[in-house]
Amino acid sequence: MSKLILTTIAILFIFQSEAQENTNNHSISLGYGLGTYYSLNKEAALNKIAVLNSPYYQLANIKSEGQFFFSYYFSINRKISIAIMLGYERYLGKLSDGVSNWNMRNIILMPQFNYTFSKKEKYMLYSLVGAGADYNIQRVNFYSGGIINSKTTQLLMSWQVSPLCIRYGNKWAAFAEVGYGFKGILNVGVSLGY
């Protein structure tokens, strides 16, 4: 037990001493993602729709508004940083009757881990992986001789794997991330390091 405690203290000391060498230990970012998991896998989105179990209604014209997200990063050392990401995405659709509407909103809270491959004066190459929670809210407005509203909520798992990411700039920077998951295939945005 004492060896485990000493090892943990040694690792934390190493990470802390390396983190003090960084100029920007903290950063925040605002971004937008295209090609999110549900927009590319419409069947996965449809399987989550508990309100559409009736064979009389089929969902058509699903459109995503993209993933908007805010992240806070803390650099443990020059190579590793941890983050928490809060995201929001909305989908709109019509039912096969041509009149009824459907919408789905995903609110995502996801911890992320970043690994930096290369860091020069103005640019940084990194990858990230994350997994968290997706609060899924779906509403359907049926028009069948009157308006019938139906709402379901579910707590699902969210995830993201982005092997190729770049950040360009010093304190203020632009970033682009390529990967797959709930943030999207392509994420772009701005970040501020402090």
C-alpha atoms as a PDB file:
ATOM      1  CA  MET A   1       0.000   0.000   0.000  1.00  0.00           C
ATOM      2  CA  SER A   2       2.813   2.408   0.861  1.00  0.00           C
ATOM      3  CA  LYS A   3       4.482   1.642  -2.512  1.00  0.00           C
ATOM      4  CA  LEU A   4       1.263   2.609  -4.309  1.00  0.00           C
ATOM      5  CA  ILE A   5       1.041   5.876  -2.360  1.00  0.00           C
ATOM      6  CA  LEU A   6       4.712   6.713  -3.036  1.00  0.00           C
ATOM      7  CA  THR A   7       4.339   5.881  -6.732  1.00  0.00           C
ATOM      8  CA  THR A   8       1.227   8.076  -6.991  1.00  0.00           C
ATOM      9  CA  ILE A   9       2.999  10.977  -5.265  1.00  0.00           C
ATOM     10  CA  ALA A  10       6.025  10.587  -7.556  1.00  0.00           C
ATOM     11  CA  ILE A  11       3.839  10.598 -10.695  1.00  0.00           C
ATOM     12  CA  LEU A  12       1.926  13.672  -9.517  1.00  0.00           C
ATOM     13  CA  PHE A  13       5.204  15.440  -8.711  1.00  0.00           C
ATOM     14  CA  ILE A  14       6.591  14.671 -12.182  1.00  0.00           C
ATOM     15  CA  PHE A  15       3.400  15.865 -13.890  1.00  0.00           C
ATOM     16  CA  GLN A  16       3.304  19.013 -11.741  1.00  0.00           C
ATOM     17  CA  SER A  17       6.949  19.907 -12.394  1.00  0.00           C
ATOM     18  CA  GLU A  18       6.485  19.416 -16.148  1.00  0.00           C
ATOM     19  CA  ALA A  19       3.229  21.411 -16.108  1.00  0.00           C
ATOM     20  CA  GLN A  20       5.068  24.382 -14.586  1.00  0.00           C
ATOM     21  CA  GLU A  21       7.322  24.480 -17.675  1.00  0.00           C
ATOM     22  CA  ASN A  22       4.316  25.145 -19.949  1.00  0.00           C
ATOM     23  CA  THR A  23       3.324  28.715 -20.736  1.00  0.00           C
ATOM     24  CA  ASN A  24      -0.394  27.891 -21.164  1.00  0.00           C
ATOM     25  CA  ASN A  25      -1.576  25.368 -18.585  1.00  0.00           C
ATOM     26  CA  HIS A  26      -5.239  26.225 -19.170  1.00  0.00           C
ATOM     27  CA  SER A  27      -7.251  26.929 -22.280  1.00  0.00           C
ATOM     28  CA  ILE A  28     -10.858  27.295 -23.313  1.00  0.00           C
ATOM     29  CA  SER A  29     -12.253  26.690 -26.771  1.00  0.00           C
ATOM     30  CA  LEU A  30     -15.425  27.282 -28.748  1.00  0.00           C
ATOM     31  CA  GLY A  31     -16.074  25.082 -31.745  1.00  0.00           C
ATOM     32  CA  TYR A  32     -18.447  23.661 -34.295  1.00  0.00           C
ATOM     33  CA  GLY A  33     -18.563  20.094 -35.577  1.00  0.00           C
ATOM     34  CA  LEU A  34     -19.877  18.633 -38.845  1.00  0.00           C
ATOM     35  CA  GLY A  35     -20.662  14.999 -39.605  1.00  0.00           C
ATOM     36  CA  THR A  36     -21.658  13.952 -36.102  1.00  0.00           C
ATOM     37  CA  TYR A  37     -22.446  10.356 -35.169  1.00  0.00           C
ATOM     38  CA  TYR A  38     -26.226  10.613 -35.532  1.00  0.00           C
ATOM     39  CA  SER A  39     -26.078  12.677 -38.731  1.00  0.00           C
ATOM     40  CA  LEU A  40     -23.965   9.938 -40.368  1.00  0.00           C
ATOM     41  CA  ASN A  41     -25.864   7.032 -38.772  1.00  0.00           C
ATOM     42  CA  LYS A  42     -29.498   7.996 -39.129  1.00  0.00           C
ATOM     43  CA  GLU A  43     -30.580   4.453 -38.265  1.00  0.00           C
ATOM     44  CA  ALA A  44     -28.893   4.838 -34.853  1.00  0.00           C
ATOM     45  CA  ALA A  45     -30.835   8.064 -34.324  1.00  0.00           C
ATOM     46  CA  LEU A  46     -34.086   6.416 -35.378  1.00  0.00           C
ATOM     47  CA  ASN A  47     -33.543   3.471 -33.035  1.00  0.00           C
ATOM     48  CA  LYS A  48     -33.473   5.936 -30.134  1.00  0.00           C
ATOM     49  CA  ILE A  49     -36.859   7.384 -31.056  1.00  0.00           C
ATOM     50  CA  ALA A  50     -39.240   5.728 -28.642  1.00  0.00           C
ATOM     51  CA  VAL A  51     -42.134   7.924 -29.776  1.00  0.00           C
ATOM     52  CA  LEU A  52     -41.990   6.552 -33.334  1.00  0.00           C
ATOM     53  CA  ASN A  53     -42.855   2.930 -32.637  1.00  0.00           C
ATOM     54  CA  SER A  54     -46.024   3.200 -34.697  1.00  0.00           C
ATOM     55  CA  PRO A  55     -45.786   1.677 -38.217  1.00  0.00           C
ATOM     56  CA  TYR A  56     -48.032   4.511 -39.469  1.00  0.00           C
ATOM     57  CA  TYR A  57     -45.362   7.169 -39.004  1.00  0.00           C
ATOM     58  CA  GLN A  58     -41.958   7.069 -40.667  1.00  0.00           C
ATOM     59  CA  LEU A  59     -39.349   9.770 -40.192  1.00  0.00           C
ATOM     60  CA  ALA A  60     -38.035  11.588 -43.265  1.00  0.00           C
ATOM     61  CA  ASN A  61     -35.756  14.537 -43.998  1.00  0.00           C
ATOM     62  CA  ILE A  62     -33.548  14.388 -40.911  1.00  0.00           C
ATOM     63  CA  LYS A  63     -31.297  17.447 -40.815  1.00  0.00           C
ATOM     64  CA  SER A  64     -28.586  18.235 -38.287  1.00  0.00           C
ATOM     65  CA  GLU A  65     -27.666  21.765 -37.317  1.00  0.00           C
ATOM     66  CA  GLY A  66     -24.177  20.592 -36.309  1.00  0.00           C
ATOM     67  CA  GLN A  67     -22.498  20.285 -32.928  1.00  0.00           C
ATOM     68  CA  PHE A  68     -21.678  23.468 -31.025  1.00  0.00           C
ATOM     69  CA  PHE A  69     -19.282  22.908 -28.140  1.00  0.00           C
ATOM     70  CA  PHE A  70     -17.337  24.601 -25.375  1.00  0.00           C
ATOM     71  CA  SER A  71     -14.269  22.957 -23.813  1.00  0.00           C
ATOM     72  CA  TYR A  72     -11.969  23.661 -20.893  1.00  0.00           C
ATOM     73  CA  TYR A  73      -8.462  22.124 -21.033  1.00  0.00           C
ATOM     74  CA  PHE A  74      -5.831  21.656 -18.355  1.00  0.00           C
ATOM     75  CA  SER A  75      -2.302  20.616 -19.365  1.00  0.00           C
ATOM     76  CA  ILE A  76      -0.879  17.989 -17.045  1.00  0.00           C
ATOM     77  CA  ASN A  77       2.481  18.170 -18.815  1.00  0.00           C
ATOM     78  CA  ARG A  78       3.857  19.028 -22.268  1.00  0.00           C
ATOM     79  CA  LYS A  79       2.297  15.926 -23.829  1.00  0.00           C
ATOM     80  CA  ILE A  80      -0.943  15.237 -21.950  1.00  0.00           C
ATOM     81  CA  SER A  81      -3.950  17.416 -21.215  1.00  0.00           C
ATOM     82  CA  ILE A  82      -7.405  16.656 -19.893  1.00  0.00           C
ATOM     83  CA  ALA A  83     -10.591  18.480 -20.829  1.00  0.00           C
ATOM     84  CA  ILE A  84     -14.289  18.664 -20.210  1.00  0.00           C
ATOM     85  CA  MET A  85     -16.515  19.355 -23.205  1.00  0.00           C
ATOM     86  CA  LEU A  86     -20.107  20.588 -23.177  1.00  0.00           C
ATOM     87  CA  GLY A  87     -21.897  20.236 -26.525  1.00  0.00           C
ATOM     88  CA  TYR A  88     -25.287  20.898 -28.059  1.00  0.00           C
ATOM     89  CA  GLU A  89     -26.772  19.556 -31.292  1.00  0.00           C
ATOM     90  CA  ARG A  90     -30.289  19.699 -32.708  1.00  0.00           C
ATOM     91  CA  TYR A  91     -31.902  17.576 -35.417  1.00  0.00           C
ATOM     92  CA  LEU A  92     -35.087  18.419 -37.287  1.00  0.00           C
ATOM     93  CA  GLY A  93     -37.291  16.084 -39.302  1.00  0.00           C
ATOM     94  CA  LYS A  94     -40.732  15.542 -40.811  1.00  0.00           C
ATOM     95  CA  LEU A  95     -42.894  12.474 -40.466  1.00  0.00           C
ATOM     96  CA  SER A  96     -44.177  10.606 -43.505  1.00  0.00           C
ATOM     97  CA  ASP A  97     -47.622  12.193 -43.184  1.00  0.00           C
ATOM     98  CA  GLY A  98     -45.961  15.419 -44.378  1.00  0.00           C
ATOM     99  CA  VAL A  99     -47.425  17.519 -41.572  1.00  0.00           C
ATOM    100  CA  SER A 100     -46.093  16.145 -38.281  1.00  0.00           C
ATOM    101  CA  ASN A 101     -42.736  17.398 -36.977  1.00  0.00           C
ATOM    102  CA  TRP A 102     -39.926  15.733 -35.034  1.00  0.00           C
ATOM    103  CA  ASN A 103     -36.891  17.225 -33.318  1.00  0.00           C
ATOM    104  CA  MET A 104     -34.092  15.754 -31.266  1.00  0.00           C
ATOM    105  CA  ARG A 105     -31.618  17.609 -29.077  1.00  0.00           C
ATOM    106  CA  ASN A 106     -28.429  16.170 -27.664  1.00  0.00           C
ATOM    107  CA  ILE A 107     -26.714  17.811 -24.714  1.00  0.00           C
ATOM    108  CA  ILE A 108     -23.309  16.217 -24.259  1.00  0.00           C
ATOM    109  CA  LEU A 109     -20.935  16.306 -21.301  1.00  0.00           C
ATOM    110  CA  MET A 110     -17.726  14.497 -22.179  1.00  0.00           C
ATOM    111  CA  PRO A 111     -14.301  14.289 -20.510  1.00  0.00           C
ATOM    112  CA  GLN A 112     -11.469  14.169 -23.064  1.00  0.00           C
ATOM    113  CA  PHE A 113      -7.803  13.217 -23.026  1.00  0.00           C
ATOM    114  CA  ASN A 114      -5.384  14.866 -25.461  1.00  0.00           C
ATOM    115  CA  TYR A 115      -1.931  13.649 -26.417  1.00  0.00           C
ATOM    116  CA  THR A 116       0.416  16.174 -28.075  1.00  0.00           C
ATOM    117  CA  PHE A 117       2.742  14.738 -30.725  1.00  0.00           C
ATOM    118  CA  SER A 118       4.538  17.942 -31.646  1.00  0.00           C
ATOM    119  CA  LYS A 119       4.511  21.435 -30.199  1.00  0.00           C
ATOM    120  CA  LYS A 120       6.411  24.259 -31.835  1.00  0.00           C
ATOM    121  CA  GLU A 121       6.240  28.010 -31.333  1.00  0.00           C
ATOM    122  CA  LYS A 122       2.882  28.558 -33.094  1.00  0.00           C
ATOM    123  CA  TYR A 123       1.435  25.137 -33.854  1.00  0.00           C
ATOM    124  CA  MET A 124       0.584  21.963 -32.037  1.00  0.00           C
ATOM    125  CA  LEU A 125      -0.295  18.512 -33.449  1.00  0.00           C
ATOM    126  CA  TYR A 126      -2.339  16.335 -31.117  1.00  0.00           C
ATOM    127  CA  SER A 127      -4.964  13.596 -30.906  1.00  0.00           C
ATOM    128  CA  LEU A 128      -7.880  13.199 -28.538  1.00  0.00           C
ATOM    129  CA  VAL A 129     -10.222  10.577 -27.186  1.00  0.00           C
ATOM    130  CA  GLY A 130     -13.280  11.105 -25.019  1.00  0.00           C
ATOM    131  CA  ALA A 131     -16.338   9.384 -23.582  1.00  0.00           C
ATOM    132  CA  GLY A 132     -19.219  10.790 -21.602  1.00  0.00           C
ATOM    133  CA  ALA A 133     -22.965  11.291 -21.351  1.00  0.00           C
ATOM    134  CA  ASP A 134     -25.518  12.304 -23.994  1.00  0.00           C
ATOM    135  CA  TYR A 135     -28.799  13.682 -22.647  1.00  0.00           C
ATOM    136  CA  ASN A 136     -31.141  12.978 -25.556  1.00  0.00           C
ATOM    137  CA  ILE A 137     -34.476  14.849 -25.794  1.00  0.00           C
ATOM    138  CA  GLN A 138     -36.971  14.049 -28.565  1.00  0.00           C
ATOM    139  CA  ARG A 139     -40.287  15.682 -29.364  1.00  0.00           C
ATOM    140  CA  VAL A 140     -42.921  14.772 -31.923  1.00  0.00           C
ATOM    141  CA  ASN A 141     -45.920  16.922 -32.821  1.00  0.00           C
ATOM    142  CA  PHE A 142     -48.514  14.600 -34.408  1.00  0.00           C
ATOM    143  CA  TYR A 143     -51.351  16.125 -36.424  1.00  0.00           C
ATOM    144  CA  SER A 144     -54.175  13.641 -36.456  1.00  0.00           C
ATOM    145  CA  GLY A 145     -57.448  15.493 -36.123  1.00  0.00           C
ATOM    146  CA  GLY A 146     -55.656  17.693 -33.584  1.00  0.00           C
ATOM    147  CA  ILE A 147     -52.203  18.238 -32.177  1.00  0.00           C
ATOM    148  CA  ILE A 148     -50.729  15.471 -30.065  1.00  0.00           C
ATOM    149  CA  ASN A 149     -47.348  16.250 -28.496  1.00  0.00           C
ATOM    150  CA  SER A 150     -45.042  13.484 -27.383  1.00  0.00           C
ATOM    151  CA  LYS A 151     -41.696  13.835 -25.602  1.00  0.00           C
ATOM    152  CA  THR A 152     -39.055  11.334 -24.512  1.00  0.00           C
ATOM    153  CA  THR A 153     -35.733  11.788 -22.750  1.00  0.00           C
ATOM    154  CA  GLN A 154     -32.877   9.322 -22.483  1.00  0.00           C
ATOM    155  CA  LEU A 155     -29.383   9.303 -21.026  1.00  0.00           C
ATOM    156  CA  LEU A 156     -27.010   7.687 -23.516  1.00  0.00           C
ATOM    157  CA  MET A 157     -23.256   7.315 -23.949  1.00  0.00           C
ATOM    158  CA  SER A 158     -21.294   9.769 -26.102  1.00  0.00           C
ATOM    159  CA  TRP A 159     -17.766   9.339 -27.446  1.00  0.00           C
ATOM    160  CA  GLN A 160     -15.215  10.879 -29.803  1.00  0.00           C
ATOM    161  CA  VAL A 161     -11.931   9.699 -31.327  1.00  0.00           C
ATOM    162  CA  SER A 162      -9.925  12.312 -33.241  1.00  0.00           C
ATOM    163  CA  PRO A 163      -6.473  11.054 -34.280  1.00  0.00           C
ATOM    164  CA  LEU A 164      -5.472  14.132 -36.296  1.00  0.00           C
ATOM    165  CA  CYS A 165      -5.802  17.576 -34.691  1.00  0.00           C
ATOM    166  CA  ILE A 166      -3.935  20.839 -35.174  1.00  0.00           C
ATOM    167  CA  ARG A 167      -3.891  24.090 -33.219  1.00  0.00           C
ATOM    168  CA  TYR A 168      -2.259  27.166 -34.752  1.00  0.00           C
ATOM    169  CA  GLY A 169      -1.452  30.299 -32.781  1.00  0.00           C
ATOM    170  CA  ASN A 170      -0.067  31.343 -29.427  1.00  0.00           C
ATOM    171  CA  LYS A 171      -2.412  32.684 -26.781  1.00  0.00           C
ATOM    172  CA  TRP A 172      -5.292  33.012 -29.271  1.00  0.00           C
ATOM    173  CA  ALA A 173      -5.407  30.106 -31.716  1.00  0.00           C
ATOM    174  CA  ALA A 174      -7.505  28.386 -34.339  1.00  0.00           C
ATOM    175  CA  PHE A 175      -7.916  24.617 -34.304  1.00  0.00           C
ATOM    176  CA  ALA A 176      -9.154  21.834 -36.566  1.00  0.00           C
ATOM    177  CA  GLU A 177      -9.799  18.217 -35.526  1.00  0.00           C
ATOM    178  CA  VAL A 178     -10.511  15.224 -37.750  1.00  0.00           C
ATOM    179  CA  GLY A 179     -12.121  12.152 -36.215  1.00  0.00           C
ATOM    180  CA  TYR A 180     -15.367  10.308 -35.611  1.00  0.00           C
ATOM    181  CA  GLY A 181     -18.020  10.461 -32.914  1.00  0.00           C
ATOM    182  CA  PHE A 182     -20.466  12.823 -31.270  1.00  0.00           C
ATOM    183  CA  LYS A 183     -18.392  15.984 -31.920  1.00  0.00           C
ATOM    184  CA  GLY A 184     -18.187  15.153 -35.632  1.00  0.00           C
ATOM    185  CA  ILE A 185     -15.813  14.215 -38.436  1.00  0.00           C
ATOM    186  CA  LEU A 186     -14.506  17.778 -38.723  1.00  0.00           C
ATOM    187  CA  ASN A 187     -14.384  20.223 -35.804  1.00  0.00           C
ATOM    188  CA  VAL A 188     -13.140  23.781 -36.132  1.00  0.00           C
ATOM    189  CA  GLY A 189     -12.986  26.665 -33.717  1.00  0.00           C
ATOM    190  CA  VAL A 190     -10.948  29.106 -31.669  1.00  0.00           C
ATOM    191  CA  SER A 191      -9.171  28.695 -28.363  1.00  0.00           C
ATOM    192  CA  LEU A 192      -7.633  30.935 -25.761  1.00  0.00           C
ATOM    193  CA  GLY A 193      -4.692  29.723 -23.680  1.00  0.00           C
ATOM    194  CA  TYR A 194      -3.875  31.286 -20.324  1.00  0.00           C
END
